[in-house]
C-alpha atoms as a PDB file:
ATOM      1  CA  UNK A   1     170.453  20.385  80.620  1.00  0.00           C
ATOM      2  CA  UNK A   2     174.153  19.745  80.999  1.00  0.00           C
ATOM      3  CA  UNK A   3     175.797  21.724  78.237  1.00  0.00           C
ATOM      4  CA  UNK A   4     179.367  21.454  79.513  1.00  0.00           C
ATOM      5  CA  UNK A   5     180.366  19.510  76.395  1.00  0.00           C
ATOM      6  CA  UNK A   6     178.111  21.329  73.935  1.00  0.00           C
ATOM      7  CA  UNK A   7     179.788  22.383  70.693  1.00  0.00           C
ATOM      8  CA  UNK A   8     179.001  26.096  70.194  1.00  0.00           C
ATOM      9  CA  UNK A   9     180.985  26.366  66.954  1.00  0.00           C
ATOM     10  CA  UNK A  10     177.833  26.592  64.781  1.00  0.00           C
ATOM     11  CA  UNK A  11     176.515  29.531  66.800  1.00  0.00           C
ATOM     12  CA  UNK A  12     179.833  31.348  66.648  1.00  0.00           C
ATOM     13  CA  UNK A  13     180.356  30.740  62.936  1.00  0.00           C
ATOM     14  CA  UNK A  14     176.803  31.421  61.757  1.00  0.00           C
ATOM     15  CA  UNK A  15     175.130  33.791  64.198  1.00  0.00           C
ATOM     16  CA  UNK A  16     177.651  36.607  64.312  1.00  0.00           C
ATOM     17  CA  UNK A  17     179.259  35.653  67.603  1.00  0.00           C
ATOM     18  CA  UNK A  18     182.993  36.059  67.780  1.00  0.00           C
ATOM     19  CA  UNK A  19     184.815  34.204  70.491  1.00  0.00           C
ATOM     20  CA  UNK A  20     188.467  34.782  69.739  1.00  0.00           C
ATOM     21  CA  UNK A  21     191.009  35.787  72.373  1.00  0.00           C
ATOM     22  CA  UNK A  22     191.098  39.276  70.888  1.00  0.00           C
ATOM     23  CA  UNK A  23     187.298  39.705  70.934  1.00  0.00           C
ATOM     24  CA  UNK A  24     187.056  38.345  74.496  1.00  0.00           C
ATOM     25  CA  UNK A  25     189.717  40.769  75.736  1.00  0.00           C
ATOM     26  CA  UNK A  26     187.995  43.681  73.988  1.00  0.00           C
ATOM     27  CA  UNK A  27     184.575  42.771  75.432  1.00  0.00           C
ATOM     28  CA  UNK A  28     186.011  42.261  78.912  1.00  0.00           C
ATOM     29  CA  UNK A  29     187.735  45.659  78.794  1.00  0.00           C
ATOM     30  CA  UNK A  30     184.485  47.295  77.666  1.00  0.00           C
ATOM     31  CA  UNK A  31     182.420  45.560  80.379  1.00  0.00           C
ATOM     32  CA  UNK A  32     184.997  46.415  83.014  1.00  0.00           C
ATOM     33  CA  UNK A  33     185.027  50.115  82.123  1.00  0.00           C
ATOM     34  CA  UNK A  34     181.205  50.270  82.152  1.00  0.00           C
ATOM     35  CA  UNK A  35     180.945  48.504  85.494  1.00  0.00           C
ATOM     36  CA  UNK A  36     183.698  50.672  86.959  1.00  0.00           C
ATOM     37  CA  UNK A  37     181.997  53.813  85.646  1.00  0.00           C
ATOM     38  CA  UNK A  38     178.759  52.910  87.433  1.00  0.00           C
ATOM     39  CA  UNK A  39     180.543  51.795  90.602  1.00  0.00           C
ATOM     40  CA  UNK A  40     178.862  48.396  90.780  1.00  0.00           C
ATOM     41  CA  UNK A  41     181.823  46.351  92.001  1.00  0.00           C
ATOM     42  CA  UNK A  42     181.639  45.080  95.591  1.00  0.00           C
ATOM     43  CA  UNK A  43     183.674  47.428  97.805  1.00  0.00           C
ATOM     44  CA  UNK A  44     185.705  44.605  99.357  1.00  0.00           C
ATOM     45  CA  UNK A  45     187.761  42.095  97.351  1.00  0.00           C
ATOM     46  CA  UNK A  46     186.769  39.539 100.031  1.00  0.00           C
ATOM     47  CA  UNK A  47     183.031  40.047  99.427  1.00  0.00           C
ATOM     48  CA  UNK A  48     181.069  36.936  98.491  1.00  0.00           C
ATOM     49  CA  UNK A  49     179.840  37.167  94.892  1.00  0.00           C
ATOM     50  CA  UNK A  50     177.119  34.865  93.552  1.00  0.00           C
ATOM     51  CA  UNK A  51     176.492  35.018  89.821  1.00  0.00           C
ATOM     52  CA  UNK A  52     173.207  33.555  88.639  1.00  0.00           C
ATOM     53  CA  UNK A  53     173.194  33.523  84.883  1.00  0.00           C
ATOM     54  CA  UNK A  54     173.538  31.683  81.644  1.00  0.00           C
ATOM     55  CA  UNK A  55     176.787  32.808  80.143  1.00  0.00           C
ATOM     56  CA  UNK A  56     180.302  31.537  79.856  1.00  0.00           C
ATOM     57  CA  UNK A  57     181.419  32.911  83.204  1.00  0.00           C
ATOM     58  CA  UNK A  58     183.189  35.961  81.842  1.00  0.00           C
ATOM     59  CA  UNK A  59     181.931  38.234  84.621  1.00  0.00           C
ATOM     60  CA  UNK A  60     183.402  35.935  87.250  1.00  0.00           C
ATOM     61  CA  UNK A  61     186.631  35.655  85.268  1.00  0.00           C
ATOM     62  CA  UNK A  62     186.856  39.439  85.165  1.00  0.00           C
ATOM     63  CA  UNK A  63     186.222  39.705  88.915  1.00  0.00           C
ATOM     64  CA  UNK A  64     188.851  37.040  89.578  1.00  0.00           C
ATOM     65  CA  UNK A  65     191.339  38.986  87.450  1.00  0.00           C
ATOM     66  CA  UNK A  66     190.529  42.058  89.561  1.00  0.00           C
ATOM     67  CA  UNK A  67     191.408  40.202  92.760  1.00  0.00           C
ATOM     68  CA  UNK A  68     188.026  39.010  94.029  1.00  0.00           C
ATOM     69  CA  UNK A  69     188.338  35.583  95.595  1.00  0.00           C
ATOM     70  CA  UNK A  70     184.957  34.403  96.951  1.00  0.00           C
ATOM     71  CA  UNK A  71     183.205  33.705  93.640  1.00  0.00           C
ATOM     72  CA  UNK A  72     180.363  31.253  93.014  1.00  0.00           C
ATOM     73  CA  UNK A  73     178.324  30.583  89.867  1.00  0.00           C
ATOM     74  CA  UNK A  74     174.897  28.970  89.565  1.00  0.00           C
ATOM     75  CA  UNK A  75     172.974  28.151  86.414  1.00  0.00           C
END
């Protein structure tokens, strides 16, 4: 299924999901602090990271913001 052009507005409006800039920043800060606390980041910023998942790519965006450069996503 190619959902690149899927309109998620119904889910966000009716199922309790918030996807505003403010909520994204808050969630990213929370995820980052939890991951940092458990020391799960790759030790090297040059490490290859493969994310296999079904999200909106926020984990990879967070890693990119932290300086990781070799990032790949697969659905």
